[in-house]
Amino acid sequence: MNTPVPSPCINICRMDAASGWCEGCLRTLDEIAAWGQLDDATKRSVLLQLRERRVHWRQRRAAGRAP
C-alpha cells in the first residue's frame, strides 16, 4: 500500500512578497490551496520543485537579499 505524500508545511506561514513563496514551506498560495486535492504524483512534483526553491532561497538569504 502506498503511503500518502505528507504536506511540507512546517507551521511558519508567512508569504514572501518578492517571491510569492511561503517562508516556511516555500510553496505558492496556489500550491498550498490545492494540496489536499492533488494526486500523489503531482505532490511529489511540487516537492521536487521545493528542493530547487530551497537552494535559491538559501543563496539569496546568504547574500542578504530577499528571494
PDB file of N, CA and C in Angstrom:
ATOM      1  N   MET A   1       0.844  -1.190   0.000  1.00  0.00           N
ATOM      2  CA  MET A   1       0.000   0.000   0.000  1.00  0.00           C
ATOM      3  C   MET A   1       0.883   1.245   0.000  1.00  0.00           C
ATOM      4  N   ASN A   2       0.521   2.229  -0.811  1.00  0.00           N
ATOM      5  CA  ASN A   2       1.304   3.457  -0.902  1.00  0.00           C
ATOM      6  C   ASN A   2       1.022   4.365   0.280  1.00  0.00           C
ATOM      7  N   THR A   3       2.074   4.959   0.790  1.00  0.00           N
ATOM      8  CA  THR A   3       1.947   5.932   1.864  1.00  0.00           C
ATOM      9  C   THR A   3       1.595   7.283   1.258  1.00  0.00           C
ATOM     10  N   PRO A   4       0.590   7.974   1.798  1.00  0.00           N
ATOM     11  CA  PRO A   4       0.250   9.302   1.278  1.00  0.00           C
ATOM     12  C   PRO A   4       1.436  10.260   1.393  1.00  0.00           C
ATOM     13  N   VAL A   5       1.516  11.180   0.463  1.00  0.00           N
ATOM     14  CA  VAL A   5       2.584  12.183   0.476  1.00  0.00           C
ATOM     15  C   VAL A   5       2.203  13.242   1.502  1.00  0.00           C
ATOM     16  N   PRO A   6       3.048  13.458   2.525  1.00  0.00           N
ATOM     17  CA  PRO A   6       2.709  14.439   3.564  1.00  0.00           C
ATOM     18  C   PRO A   6       2.898  15.875   3.075  1.00  0.00           C
ATOM     19  N   SER A   7       2.192  16.758   3.705  1.00  0.00           N
ATOM     20  CA  SER A   7       2.344  18.181   3.417  1.00  0.00           C
ATOM     21  C   SER A   7       3.719  18.652   3.880  1.00  0.00           C
ATOM     22  N   PRO A   8       4.342  19.560   3.123  1.00  0.00           N
ATOM     23  CA  PRO A   8       5.631  20.110   3.547  1.00  0.00           C
ATOM     24  C   PRO A   8       5.495  21.261   4.552  1.00  0.00           C
ATOM     25  N   CYS A   9       4.274  21.563   4.965  1.00  0.00           N
ATOM     26  CA  CYS A   9       4.034  22.668   5.894  1.00  0.00           C
ATOM     27  C   CYS A   9       4.791  22.446   7.199  1.00  0.00           C
ATOM     28  N   ILE A  10       5.466  23.513   7.669  1.00  0.00           N
ATOM     29  CA  ILE A  10       6.174  23.454   8.954  1.00  0.00           C
ATOM     30  C   ILE A  10       5.632  24.503   9.925  1.00  0.00           C
ATOM     31  N   ASN A  11       4.427  24.991   9.644  1.00  0.00           N
ATOM     32  CA  ASN A  11       3.731  25.950  10.507  1.00  0.00           C
ATOM     33  C   ASN A  11       4.464  27.281  10.670  1.00  0.00           C
ATOM     34  N   ILE A  12       5.175  27.677   9.639  1.00  0.00           N
ATOM     35  CA  ILE A  12       5.713  29.041   9.546  1.00  0.00           C
ATOM     36  C   ILE A  12       5.042  29.613   8.306  1.00  0.00           C
ATOM     37  N   CYS A  13       3.892  30.200   8.509  1.00  0.00           N
ATOM     38  CA  CYS A  13       3.026  30.576   7.393  1.00  0.00           C
ATOM     39  C   CYS A  13       3.061  32.082   7.161  1.00  0.00           C
ATOM     40  N   ARG A  14       4.100  32.504   6.455  1.00  0.00           N
ATOM     41  CA  ARG A  14       4.250  33.912   6.057  1.00  0.00           C
ATOM     42  C   ARG A  14       4.627  33.918   4.588  1.00  0.00           C
ATOM     43  N   MET A  15       3.911  34.699   3.821  1.00  0.00           N
ATOM     44  CA  MET A  15       4.197  34.768   2.394  1.00  0.00           C
ATOM     45  C   MET A  15       5.221  35.864   2.138  1.00  0.00           C
ATOM     46  N   ASP A  16       6.244  35.528   1.379  1.00  0.00           N
ATOM     47  CA  ASP A  16       7.260  36.489   0.972  1.00  0.00           C
ATOM     48  C   ASP A  16       6.741  37.215  -0.264  1.00  0.00           C
ATOM     49  N   ALA A  17       6.607  38.529  -0.170  1.00  0.00           N
ATOM     50  CA  ALA A  17       6.028  39.309  -1.265  1.00  0.00           C
ATOM     51  C   ALA A  17       6.889  39.269  -2.523  1.00  0.00           C
ATOM     52  N   ALA A  18       8.191  39.243  -2.366  1.00  0.00           N
ATOM     53  CA  ALA A  18       9.085  39.266  -3.527  1.00  0.00           C
ATOM     54  C   ALA A  18       9.011  37.982  -4.346  1.00  0.00           C
ATOM     55  N   SER A  19       8.952  36.849  -3.683  1.00  0.00           N
ATOM     56  CA  SER A  19       8.977  35.565  -4.388  1.00  0.00           C
ATOM     57  C   SER A  19       7.587  34.962  -4.579  1.00  0.00           C
ATOM     58  N   GLY A  20       6.654  35.299  -3.685  1.00  0.00           N
ATOM     59  CA  GLY A  20       5.341  34.667  -3.708  1.00  0.00           C
ATOM     60  C   GLY A  20       5.339  33.309  -3.038  1.00  0.00           C
ATOM     61  N   TRP A  21       6.408  32.989  -2.324  1.00  0.00           N
ATOM     62  CA  TRP A  21       6.546  31.698  -1.644  1.00  0.00           C
ATOM     63  C   TRP A  21       6.305  31.863  -0.152  1.00  0.00           C
ATOM     64  N   CYS A  22       5.760  30.814   0.452  1.00  0.00           N
ATOM     65  CA  CYS A  22       5.640  30.769   1.901  1.00  0.00           C
ATOM     66  C   CYS A  22       7.049  30.661   2.476  1.00  0.00           C
ATOM     67  N   GLU A  23       7.350  31.432   3.491  1.00  0.00           N
ATOM     68  CA  GLU A  23       8.688  31.403   4.089  1.00  0.00           C
ATOM     69  C   GLU A  23       8.974  30.102   4.823  1.00  0.00           C
ATOM     70  N   GLY A  24       7.951  29.345   5.161  1.00  0.00           N
ATOM     71  CA  GLY A  24       8.151  28.077   5.848  1.00  0.00           C
ATOM     72  C   GLY A  24       8.349  26.910   4.898  1.00  0.00           C
ATOM     73  N   CYS A  25       7.391  26.713   4.005  1.00  0.00           N
ATOM     74  CA  CYS A  25       7.434  25.526   3.141  1.00  0.00           C
ATOM     75  C   CYS A  25       7.850  25.837   1.709  1.00  0.00           C
ATOM     76  N   LEU A  26       7.893  27.105   1.347  1.00  0.00           N
ATOM     77  CA  LEU A  26       8.290  27.581   0.022  1.00  0.00           C
ATOM     78  C   LEU A  26       7.291  27.267  -1.090  1.00  0.00           C
ATOM     79  N   ARG A  27       6.061  26.917  -0.702  1.00  0.00           N
ATOM     80  CA  ARG A  27       5.020  26.736  -1.715  1.00  0.00           C
ATOM     81  C   ARG A  27       4.361  28.076  -2.026  1.00  0.00           C
ATOM     82  N   THR A  28       3.742  28.148  -3.197  1.00  0.00           N
ATOM     83  CA  THR A  28       2.944  29.315  -3.548  1.00  0.00           C
ATOM     84  C   THR A  28       1.564  29.179  -2.906  1.00  0.00           C
ATOM     85  N   LEU A  29       0.807  30.262  -2.897  1.00  0.00           N
ATOM     86  CA  LEU A  29      -0.558  30.195  -2.365  1.00  0.00           C
ATOM     87  C   LEU A  29      -1.392  29.180  -3.147  1.00  0.00           C
ATOM     88  N   ASP A  30      -1.228  29.140  -4.458  1.00  0.00           N
ATOM     89  CA  ASP A  30      -1.980  28.179  -5.268  1.00  0.00           C
ATOM     90  C   ASP A  30      -1.621  26.745  -4.894  1.00  0.00           C
ATOM     91  N   GLU A  31      -0.345  26.471  -4.674  1.00  0.00           N
ATOM     92  CA  GLU A  31       0.073  25.125  -4.288  1.00  0.00           C
ATOM     93  C   GLU A  31      -0.459  24.743  -2.917  1.00  0.00           C
ATOM     94  N   ILE A  32      -0.450  25.698  -1.998  1.00  0.00           N
ATOM     95  CA  ILE A  32      -0.970  25.447  -0.656  1.00  0.00           C
ATOM     96  C   ILE A  32      -2.467  25.146  -0.723  1.00  0.00           C
ATOM     97  N   ALA A  33      -3.198  25.976  -1.459  1.00  0.00           N
ATOM     98  CA  ALA A  33      -4.652  25.818  -1.554  1.00  0.00           C
ATOM     99  C   ALA A  33      -5.041  24.506  -2.230  1.00  0.00           C
ATOM    100  N   ALA A  34      -4.261  24.076  -3.207  1.00  0.00           N
ATOM    101  CA  ALA A  34      -4.606  22.879  -3.976  1.00  0.00           C
ATOM    102  C   ALA A  34      -4.098  21.586  -3.351  1.00  0.00           C
ATOM    103  N   TRP A  35      -3.203  21.659  -2.380  1.00  0.00           N
ATOM    104  CA  TRP A  35      -2.503  20.477  -1.882  1.00  0.00           C
ATOM    105  C   TRP A  35      -3.432  19.299  -1.580  1.00  0.00           C
ATOM    106  N   GLY A  36      -4.491  19.514  -0.881  1.00  0.00           N
ATOM    107  CA  GLY A  36      -5.402  18.433  -0.489  1.00  0.00           C
ATOM    108  C   GLY A  36      -6.092  17.756  -1.660  1.00  0.00           C
ATOM    109  N   GLN A  37      -6.145  18.429  -2.791  1.00  0.00           N
ATOM    110  CA  GLN A  37      -6.814  17.876  -3.971  1.00  0.00           C
ATOM    111  C   GLN A  37      -5.835  17.249  -4.970  1.00  0.00           C
ATOM    112  N   LEU A  38      -4.547  17.468  -4.778  1.00  0.00           N
ATOM    113  CA  LEU A  38      -3.553  16.953  -5.721  1.00  0.00           C
ATOM    114  C   LEU A  38      -3.365  15.457  -5.554  1.00  0.00           C
ATOM    115  N   ASP A  39      -3.094  14.765  -6.661  1.00  0.00           N
ATOM    116  CA  ASP A  39      -2.757  13.348  -6.553  1.00  0.00           C
ATOM    117  C   ASP A  39      -1.301  13.234  -6.089  1.00  0.00           C
ATOM    118  N   ASP A  40      -0.920  12.051  -5.656  1.00  0.00           N
ATOM    119  CA  ASP A  40       0.416  11.870  -5.082  1.00  0.00           C
ATOM    120  C   ASP A  40       1.530  12.189  -6.066  1.00  0.00           C
ATOM    121  N   ALA A  41       1.347  11.877  -7.342  1.00  0.00           N
ATOM    122  CA  ALA A  41       2.376  12.172  -8.340  1.00  0.00           C
ATOM    123  C   ALA A  41       2.603  13.679  -8.451  1.00  0.00           C
ATOM    124  N   THR A  42       1.535  14.438  -8.428  1.00  0.00           N
ATOM    125  CA  THR A  42       1.652  15.893  -8.514  1.00  0.00           C
ATOM    126  C   THR A  42       2.271  16.455  -7.241  1.00  0.00           C
ATOM    127  N   LYS A  43       1.904  15.908  -6.090  1.00  0.00           N
ATOM    128  CA  LYS A  43       2.509  16.346  -4.828  1.00  0.00           C
ATOM    129  C   LYS A  43       4.014  16.102  -4.857  1.00  0.00           C
ATOM    130  N   ARG A  44       4.433  14.942  -5.366  1.00  0.00           N
ATOM    131  CA  ARG A  44       5.869  14.653  -5.463  1.00  0.00           C
ATOM    132  C   ARG A  44       6.569  15.633  -6.397  1.00  0.00           C
ATOM    133  N   SER A  45       5.894  16.021  -7.455  1.00  0.00           N
ATOM    134  CA  SER A  45       6.442  17.007  -8.384  1.00  0.00           C
ATOM    135  C   SER A  45       6.647  18.354  -7.683  1.00  0.00           C
ATOM    136  N   VAL A  46       5.668  18.757  -6.891  1.00  0.00           N
ATOM    137  CA  VAL A  46       5.794  20.004  -6.133  1.00  0.00           C
ATOM    138  C   VAL A  46       6.967  19.891  -5.157  1.00  0.00           C
ATOM    139  N   LEU A  47       7.093  18.754  -4.475  1.00  0.00           N
ATOM    140  CA  LEU A  47       8.189  18.575  -3.524  1.00  0.00           C
ATOM    141  C   LEU A  47       9.547  18.692  -4.211  1.00  0.00           C
ATOM    142  N   LEU A  48       9.670  18.185  -5.422  1.00  0.00           N
ATOM    143  CA  LEU A  48      10.927  18.331  -6.163  1.00  0.00           C
ATOM    144  C   LEU A  48      11.210  19.795  -6.477  1.00  0.00           C
ATOM    145  N   GLN A  49      10.173  20.545  -6.828  1.00  0.00           N
ATOM    146  CA  GLN A  49      10.345  21.977  -7.080  1.00  0.00           C
ATOM    147  C   GLN A  49      10.785  22.704  -5.812  1.00  0.00           C
ATOM    148  N   LEU A  50      10.269  22.253  -4.668  1.00  0.00           N
ATOM    149  CA  LEU A  50      10.617  22.897  -3.403  1.00  0.00           C
ATOM    150  C   LEU A  50      12.103  22.732  -3.097  1.00  0.00           C
ATOM    151  N   ARG A  51      12.685  21.598  -3.471  1.00  0.00           N
ATOM    152  CA  ARG A  51      14.129  21.406  -3.268  1.00  0.00           C
ATOM    153  C   ARG A  51      14.916  22.477  -4.016  1.00  0.00           C
ATOM    154  N   GLU A  52      14.532  22.734  -5.254  1.00  0.00           N
ATOM    155  CA  GLU A  52      15.199  23.763  -6.054  1.00  0.00           C
ATOM    156  C   GLU A  52      14.975  25.145  -5.459  1.00  0.00           C
ATOM    157  N   ARG A  53      13.763  25.414  -5.019  1.00  0.00           N
ATOM    158  CA  ARG A  53      13.464  26.717  -4.413  1.00  0.00           C
ATOM    159  C   ARG A  53      14.269  26.919  -3.142  1.00  0.00           C
ATOM    160  N   ARG A  54      14.423  25.843  -2.366  1.00  0.00           N
ATOM    161  CA  ARG A  54      15.163  25.952  -1.108  1.00  0.00           C
ATOM    162  C   ARG A  54      16.610  26.363  -1.369  1.00  0.00           C
ATOM    163  N   VAL A  55      17.233  25.814  -2.394  1.00  0.00           N
ATOM    164  CA  VAL A  55      18.601  26.194  -2.761  1.00  0.00           C
ATOM    165  C   VAL A  55      18.631  27.670  -3.123  1.00  0.00           C
ATOM    166  N   HIS A  56      17.709  28.102  -3.961  1.00  0.00           N
ATOM    167  CA  HIS A  56      17.627  29.508  -4.373  1.00  0.00           C
ATOM    168  C   HIS A  56      17.388  30.407  -3.161  1.00  0.00           C
ATOM    169  N   TRP A  57      16.450  29.999  -2.304  1.00  0.00           N
ATOM    170  CA  TRP A  57      16.100  30.770  -1.101  1.00  0.00           C
ATOM    171  C   TRP A  57      17.325  30.965  -0.206  1.00  0.00           C
ATOM    172  N   ARG A  58      18.054  29.895   0.038  1.00  0.00           N
ATOM    173  CA  ARG A  58      19.239  29.970   0.914  1.00  0.00           C
ATOM    174  C   ARG A  58      20.337  30.825   0.301  1.00  0.00           C
ATOM    175  N   GLN A  59      20.520  30.726  -1.000  1.00  0.00           N
ATOM    176  CA  GLN A  59      21.529  31.545  -1.664  1.00  0.00           C
ATOM    177  C   GLN A  59      21.192  33.019  -1.545  1.00  0.00           C
ATOM    178  N   ARG A  60      19.941  33.340  -1.765  1.00  0.00           N
ATOM    179  CA  ARG A  60      19.526  34.743  -1.672  1.00  0.00           C
ATOM    180  C   ARG A  60      19.633  35.263  -0.238  1.00  0.00           C
ATOM    181  N   ARG A  61      19.266  34.427   0.723  1.00  0.00           N
ATOM    182  CA  ARG A  61      19.367  34.831   2.136  1.00  0.00           C
ATOM    183  C   ARG A  61      20.832  35.045   2.528  1.00  0.00           C
ATOM    184  N   ALA A  62      21.701  34.153   2.079  1.00  0.00           N
ATOM    185  CA  ALA A  62      23.126  34.261   2.392  1.00  0.00           C
ATOM    186  C   ALA A  62      23.722  35.530   1.799  1.00  0.00           C
ATOM    187  N   ALA A  63      23.193  35.952   0.666  1.00  0.00           N
ATOM    188  CA  ALA A  63      23.675  37.168   0.009  1.00  0.00           C
ATOM    189  C   ALA A  63      23.020  38.421   0.594  1.00  0.00           C
ATOM    190  N   GLY A  64      22.098  38.218   1.553  1.00  0.00           N
ATOM    191  CA  GLY A  64      21.442  39.349   2.202  1.00  0.00           C
ATOM    192  C   GLY A  64      20.314  39.956   1.391  1.00  0.00           C
ATOM    193  N   ARG A  65      19.801  39.190   0.428  1.00  0.00           N
ATOM    194  CA  ARG A  65      18.700  39.675  -0.396  1.00  0.00           C
ATOM    195  C   ARG A  65      17.503  38.771  -0.217  1.00  0.00           C
ATOM    196  N   ALA A  66      16.342  39.374  -0.291  1.00  0.00           N
ATOM    197  CA  ALA A  66      15.106  38.576  -0.280  1.00  0.00           C
ATOM    198  C   ALA A  66      15.005  37.842  -1.602  1.00  0.00           C
ATOM    199  N   PRO A  67      14.394  36.683  -1.625  1.00  0.00           N
ATOM    200  CA  PRO A  67      14.241  35.940  -2.875  1.00  0.00           C
ATOM    201  C   PRO A  67      13.438  36.676  -3.921  1.00  0.00           C
TER     202      PRO A  67
END
